[in-house]
Amino acid sequence: MKNVRLQLEVPEDRFEELKDLMGRCRITSQKDLFNSALLLLEWAVGERARGRIIASLDEANMKYKEFAMPALEAVRPPRNTAEGQVAANP
């Protein structure tokens, strides 16, 4: 498979945030950071497509906080579904 080069420009303060995040997660390369972020986004999109919410659970209090971002808000599950499965006879 052929590699494609991806180049981004970000504000310097945002880049510092990315470097801090990399350190906190022990990620050693920007490529690994990108791949980790992409993997998480792919999972979240798949869950939203199944009609599920993405949330953080406070197990001690059994309360959750839903995660929202425009990219996930755009994802809609198929119509006439249960757990994201398309109905056999709509």
Foldseek 3Di string as FASTA:
>chain_A
DDDDDDDDDDDPVVVVVVVVVCVVVVNDDPVVVVVVVVVVVVVLLVQVLQVHFAWDAPVVVRDIDTDDDVVSVPRHHDPPDHSRDHDPPD
